[in-house]
Amino acid sequence: MAHKFEIYKDKAGEFRVRFKYNSETIFSTEGYASKSGAKDAIESIKKYVPAAEVTEVE
């Protein structure tokens, strides 16, 4: 699979999610106190991304 979500613990002890495509990190989330919070973030991203608006900034 060329793309995936990764849940990891940062230096501050918070759980974060990063989205990788072909081994390159595309984005990372804020920190969450629990792993379940990070998993909820993944589900939210999966649910709402298809409806995300595209905006051009000049």
PDB file of N, CA and C in Angstrom:
ATOM      1  N   MET A   1       0.850  -1.185   0.000  1.00  0.00           N
ATOM      2  CA  MET A   1       0.000   0.000   0.000  1.00  0.00           C
ATOM      3  C   MET A   1       0.888   1.238   0.000  1.00  0.00           C
ATOM      4  N   ALA A   2       0.597   2.162  -0.846  1.00  0.00           N
ATOM      5  CA  ALA A   2       1.415   3.366  -1.006  1.00  0.00           C
ATOM      6  C   ALA A   2       1.136   4.419   0.051  1.00  0.00           C
ATOM      7  N   HIS A   3      -0.016   4.352   0.717  1.00  0.00           N
ATOM      8  CA  HIS A   3      -0.346   5.369   1.711  1.00  0.00           C
ATOM      9  C   HIS A   3      -0.848   4.705   2.994  1.00  0.00           C
ATOM     10  N   LYS A   4      -0.602   5.405   4.124  1.00  0.00           N
ATOM     11  CA  LYS A   4      -1.031   4.854   5.408  1.00  0.00           C
ATOM     12  C   LYS A   4      -1.032   5.929   6.486  1.00  0.00           C
ATOM     13  N   PHE A   5      -1.808   5.664   7.536  1.00  0.00           N
ATOM     14  CA  PHE A   5      -1.792   6.467   8.747  1.00  0.00           C
ATOM     15  C   PHE A   5      -0.875   5.772   9.743  1.00  0.00           C
ATOM     16  N   GLU A   6      -0.096   6.545  10.486  1.00  0.00           N
ATOM     17  CA  GLU A   6       0.739   6.006  11.555  1.00  0.00           C
ATOM     18  C   GLU A   6       0.399   6.729  12.850  1.00  0.00           C
ATOM     19  N   ILE A   7       0.216   5.978  13.917  1.00  0.00           N
ATOM     20  CA  ILE A   7       0.028   6.549  15.249  1.00  0.00           C
ATOM     21  C   ILE A   7       1.353   6.378  15.989  1.00  0.00           C
ATOM     22  N   TYR A   8       1.838   7.457  16.575  1.00  0.00           N
ATOM     23  CA  TYR A   8       3.097   7.391  17.311  1.00  0.00           C
ATOM     24  C   TYR A   8       3.029   8.288  18.534  1.00  0.00           C
ATOM     25  N   LYS A   9       3.923   8.053  19.470  1.00  0.00           N
ATOM     26  CA  LYS A   9       4.002   8.854  20.687  1.00  0.00           C
ATOM     27  C   LYS A   9       5.162   9.838  20.519  1.00  0.00           C
ATOM     28  N   ASP A  10       4.882  11.130  20.743  1.00  0.00           N
ATOM     29  CA  ASP A  10       5.928  12.145  20.580  1.00  0.00           C
ATOM     30  C   ASP A  10       6.761  12.277  21.855  1.00  0.00           C
ATOM     31  N   LYS A  11       7.738  13.158  21.835  1.00  0.00           N
ATOM     32  CA  LYS A  11       8.638  13.338  22.981  1.00  0.00           C
ATOM     33  C   LYS A  11       7.922  13.815  24.238  1.00  0.00           C
ATOM     34  N   ALA A  12       6.793  14.501  24.056  1.00  0.00           N
ATOM     35  CA  ALA A  12       6.017  15.009  25.194  1.00  0.00           C
ATOM     36  C   ALA A  12       5.078  13.939  25.761  1.00  0.00           C
ATOM     37  N   GLY A  13       5.050  12.761  25.133  1.00  0.00           N
ATOM     38  CA  GLY A  13       4.194  11.686  25.610  1.00  0.00           C
ATOM     39  C   GLY A  13       2.789  11.710  25.039  1.00  0.00           C
ATOM     40  N   GLU A  14       2.540  12.571  24.048  1.00  0.00           N
ATOM     41  CA  GLU A  14       1.226  12.646  23.414  1.00  0.00           C
ATOM     42  C   GLU A  14       1.204  11.755  22.169  1.00  0.00           C
ATOM     43  N   PHE A  15       0.014  11.286  21.837  1.00  0.00           N
ATOM     44  CA  PHE A  15      -0.157  10.477  20.636  1.00  0.00           C
ATOM     45  C   PHE A  15      -0.462  11.391  19.459  1.00  0.00           C
ATOM     46  N   ARG A  16       0.185  11.133  18.350  1.00  0.00           N
ATOM     47  CA  ARG A  16      -0.014  11.905  17.132  1.00  0.00           C
ATOM     48  C   ARG A  16      -0.246  10.949  15.973  1.00  0.00           C
ATOM     49  N   VAL A  17      -0.852  11.489  14.920  1.00  0.00           N
ATOM     50  CA  VAL A  17      -1.084  10.714  13.704  1.00  0.00           C
ATOM     51  C   VAL A  17      -0.348  11.409  12.575  1.00  0.00           C
ATOM     52  N   ARG A  18       0.344  10.627  11.780  1.00  0.00           N
ATOM     53  CA  ARG A  18       0.919  11.183  10.557  1.00  0.00           C
ATOM     54  C   ARG A  18       0.396  10.359   9.391  1.00  0.00           C
ATOM     55  N   PHE A  19       0.187  11.036   8.284  1.00  0.00           N
ATOM     56  CA  PHE A  19      -0.258  10.381   7.062  1.00  0.00           C
ATOM     57  C   PHE A  19       0.924  10.340   6.122  1.00  0.00           C
ATOM     58  N   LYS A  20       1.264   9.148   5.659  1.00  0.00           N
ATOM     59  CA  LYS A  20       2.416   8.973   4.776  1.00  0.00           C
ATOM     60  C   LYS A  20       1.969   8.445   3.425  1.00  0.00           C
ATOM     61  N   TYR A  21       2.612   8.951   2.388  1.00  0.00           N
ATOM     62  CA  TYR A  21       2.396   8.479   1.032  1.00  0.00           C
ATOM     63  C   TYR A  21       3.764   8.191   0.431  1.00  0.00           C
ATOM     64  N   ASN A  22       3.973   6.940   0.025  1.00  0.00           N
ATOM     65  CA  ASN A  22       5.279   6.514  -0.504  1.00  0.00           C
ATOM     66  C   ASN A  22       6.422   6.930   0.418  1.00  0.00           C
ATOM     67  N   SER A  23       6.275   6.637   1.701  1.00  0.00           N
ATOM     68  CA  SER A  23       7.282   6.907   2.739  1.00  0.00           C
ATOM     69  C   SER A  23       7.498   8.381   3.055  1.00  0.00           C
ATOM     70  N   GLU A  24       6.771   9.288   2.418  1.00  0.00           N
ATOM     71  CA  GLU A  24       6.891  10.714   2.693  1.00  0.00           C
ATOM     72  C   GLU A  24       5.737  11.156   3.579  1.00  0.00           C
ATOM     73  N   THR A  25       6.046  11.864   4.665  1.00  0.00           N
ATOM     74  CA  THR A  25       5.007  12.377   5.544  1.00  0.00           C
ATOM     75  C   THR A  25       4.319  13.551   4.860  1.00  0.00           C
ATOM     76  N   ILE A  26       3.001  13.424   4.690  1.00  0.00           N
ATOM     77  CA  ILE A  26       2.212  14.466   4.055  1.00  0.00           C
ATOM     78  C   ILE A  26       1.703  15.452   5.097  1.00  0.00           C
ATOM     79  N   PHE A  27       1.209  14.945   6.231  1.00  0.00           N
ATOM     80  CA  PHE A  27       0.799  15.810   7.334  1.00  0.00           C
ATOM     81  C   PHE A  27       0.828  15.052   8.645  1.00  0.00           C
ATOM     82  N   SER A  28       0.845  15.814   9.743  1.00  0.00           N
ATOM     83  CA  SER A  28       0.758  15.277  11.101  1.00  0.00           C
ATOM     84  C   SER A  28      -0.323  16.034  11.850  1.00  0.00           C
ATOM     85  N   THR A  29      -0.924  15.374  12.815  1.00  0.00           N
ATOM     86  CA  THR A  29      -1.974  16.006  13.612  1.00  0.00           C
ATOM     87  C   THR A  29      -1.399  16.634  14.870  1.00  0.00           C
ATOM     88  N   GLU A  30      -2.283  17.292  15.596  1.00  0.00           N
ATOM     89  CA  GLU A  30      -1.946  17.788  16.924  1.00  0.00           C
ATOM     90  C   GLU A  30      -1.763  16.587  17.849  1.00  0.00           C
ATOM     91  N   GLY A  31      -1.302  16.818  19.068  1.00  0.00           N
ATOM     92  CA  GLY A  31      -1.129  15.744  20.028  1.00  0.00           C
ATOM     93  C   GLY A  31      -2.425  15.413  20.756  1.00  0.00           C
ATOM     94  N   TYR A  32      -2.600  14.140  21.066  1.00  0.00           N
ATOM     95  CA  TYR A  32      -3.773  13.663  21.804  1.00  0.00           C
ATOM     96  C   TYR A  32      -3.301  12.952  23.066  1.00  0.00           C
ATOM     97  N   ALA A  33      -4.070  13.084  24.149  1.00  0.00           N
ATOM     98  CA  ALA A  33      -3.702  12.480  25.418  1.00  0.00           C
ATOM     99  C   ALA A  33      -3.786  10.955  25.383  1.00  0.00           C
ATOM    100  N   SER A  34      -4.658  10.425  24.536  1.00  0.00           N
ATOM    101  CA  SER A  34      -4.833   8.969  24.476  1.00  0.00           C
ATOM    102  C   SER A  34      -4.730   8.464  23.042  1.00  0.00           C
ATOM    103  N   LYS A  35      -4.415   7.184  22.930  1.00  0.00           N
ATOM    104  CA  LYS A  35      -4.346   6.553  21.610  1.00  0.00           C
ATOM    105  C   LYS A  35      -5.722   6.539  20.959  1.00  0.00           C
ATOM    106  N   SER A  36      -6.772   6.399  21.770  1.00  0.00           N
ATOM    107  CA  SER A  36      -8.124   6.396  21.204  1.00  0.00           C
ATOM    108  C   SER A  36      -8.458   7.756  20.592  1.00  0.00           C
ATOM    109  N   GLY A  37      -7.939   8.840  21.151  1.00  0.00           N
ATOM    110  CA  GLY A  37      -8.126  10.167  20.572  1.00  0.00           C
ATOM    111  C   GLY A  37      -7.478  10.258  19.198  1.00  0.00           C
ATOM    112  N   ALA A  38      -6.305   9.663  19.058  1.00  0.00           N
ATOM    113  CA  ALA A  38      -5.625   9.646  17.765  1.00  0.00           C
ATOM    114  C   ALA A  38      -6.406   8.810  16.757  1.00  0.00           C
ATOM    115  N   LYS A  39      -6.939   7.685  17.204  1.00  0.00           N
ATOM    116  CA  LYS A  39      -7.735   6.831  16.312  1.00  0.00           C
ATOM    117  C   LYS A  39      -9.015   7.545  15.881  1.00  0.00           C
ATOM    118  N   ASP A  40      -9.623   8.308  16.794  1.00  0.00           N
ATOM    119  CA  ASP A  40     -10.812   9.098  16.444  1.00  0.00           C
ATOM    120  C   ASP A  40     -10.475  10.143  15.382  1.00  0.00           C
ATOM    121  N   ALA A  41      -9.283  10.730  15.488  1.00  0.00           N
ATOM    122  CA  ALA A  41      -8.846  11.725  14.500  1.00  0.00           C
ATOM    123  C   ALA A  41      -8.746  11.087  13.120  1.00  0.00           C
ATOM    124  N   ILE A  42      -8.219   9.875  13.050  1.00  0.00           N
ATOM    125  CA  ILE A  42      -8.115   9.170  11.764  1.00  0.00           C
ATOM    126  C   ILE A  42      -9.498   8.958  11.166  1.00  0.00           C
ATOM    127  N   GLU A  43     -10.429   8.511  11.975  1.00  0.00           N
ATOM    128  CA  GLU A  43     -11.788   8.263  11.477  1.00  0.00           C
ATOM    129  C   GLU A  43     -12.449   9.557  11.003  1.00  0.00           C
ATOM    130  N   SER A  44     -12.198  10.648  11.714  1.00  0.00           N
ATOM    131  CA  SER A  44     -12.741  11.940  11.320  1.00  0.00           C
ATOM    132  C   SER A  44     -12.158  12.384   9.978  1.00  0.00           C
ATOM    133  N   ILE A  45     -10.859  12.203   9.807  1.00  0.00           N
ATOM    134  CA  ILE A  45     -10.207  12.572   8.545  1.00  0.00           C
ATOM    135  C   ILE A  45     -10.782  11.745   7.408  1.00  0.00           C
ATOM    136  N   LYS A  46     -10.901  10.450   7.616  1.00  0.00           N
ATOM    137  CA  LYS A  46     -11.447   9.570   6.576  1.00  0.00           C
ATOM    138  C   LYS A  46     -12.872   9.965   6.190  1.00  0.00           C
ATOM    139  N   LYS A  47     -13.636  10.409   7.171  1.00  0.00           N
ATOM    140  CA  LYS A  47     -15.037  10.749   6.939  1.00  0.00           C
ATOM    141  C   LYS A  47     -15.199  12.068   6.181  1.00  0.00           C
ATOM    142  N   TYR A  48     -14.406  13.075   6.542  1.00  0.00           N
ATOM    143  CA  TYR A  48     -14.631  14.421   6.029  1.00  0.00           C
ATOM    144  C   TYR A  48     -13.729  14.846   4.877  1.00  0.00           C
ATOM    145  N   VAL A  49     -12.678  14.153   4.603  1.00  0.00           N
ATOM    146  CA  VAL A  49     -11.758  14.579   3.550  1.00  0.00           C
ATOM    147  C   VAL A  49     -12.416  14.640   2.172  1.00  0.00           C
ATOM    148  N   PRO A  50     -13.259  13.676   1.774  1.00  0.00           N
ATOM    149  CA  PRO A  50     -13.860  13.779   0.439  1.00  0.00           C
ATOM    150  C   PRO A  50     -14.673  15.055   0.221  1.00  0.00           C
ATOM    151  N   ALA A  51     -15.183  15.648   1.298  1.00  0.00           N
ATOM    152  CA  ALA A  51     -15.998  16.854   1.175  1.00  0.00           C
ATOM    153  C   ALA A  51     -15.191  18.135   1.415  1.00  0.00           C
ATOM    154  N   ALA A  52     -13.876  17.997   1.594  1.00  0.00           N
ATOM    155  CA  ALA A  52     -13.060  19.169   1.901  1.00  0.00           C
ATOM    156  C   ALA A  52     -13.020  20.141   0.725  1.00  0.00           C
ATOM    157  N   GLU A  53     -13.124  21.405   1.049  1.00  0.00           N
ATOM    158  CA  GLU A  53     -13.078  22.469   0.063  1.00  0.00           C
ATOM    159  C   GLU A  53     -11.621  22.722  -0.347  1.00  0.00           C
ATOM    160  N   VAL A  54     -11.403  23.087  -1.586  1.00  0.00           N
ATOM    161  CA  VAL A  54     -10.072  23.456  -2.063  1.00  0.00           C
ATOM    162  C   VAL A  54     -10.045  24.969  -2.231  1.00  0.00           C
ATOM    163  N   THR A  55      -9.048  25.608  -1.618  1.00  0.00           N
ATOM    164  CA  THR A  55      -8.907  27.051  -1.681  1.00  0.00           C
ATOM    165  C   THR A  55      -7.519  27.392  -2.192  1.00  0.00           C
ATOM    166  N   GLU A  56      -7.437  28.334  -3.126  1.00  0.00           N
ATOM    167  CA  GLU A  56      -6.143  28.798  -3.624  1.00  0.00           C
ATOM    168  C   GLU A  56      -5.775  30.077  -2.894  1.00  0.00           C
ATOM    169  N   VAL A  57      -4.553  30.119  -2.396  1.00  0.00           N
ATOM    170  CA  VAL A  57      -4.055  31.293  -1.685  1.00  0.00           C
ATOM    171  C   VAL A  57      -2.914  31.876  -2.502  1.00  0.00           C
ATOM    172  N   GLU A  58      -3.033  33.165  -2.776  1.00  0.00           N
ATOM    173  CA  GLU A  58      -1.995  33.815  -3.589  1.00  0.00           C
ATOM    174  C   GLU A  58      -1.147  34.719  -2.752  1.00  0.00           C
TER     175      GLU A  58
END
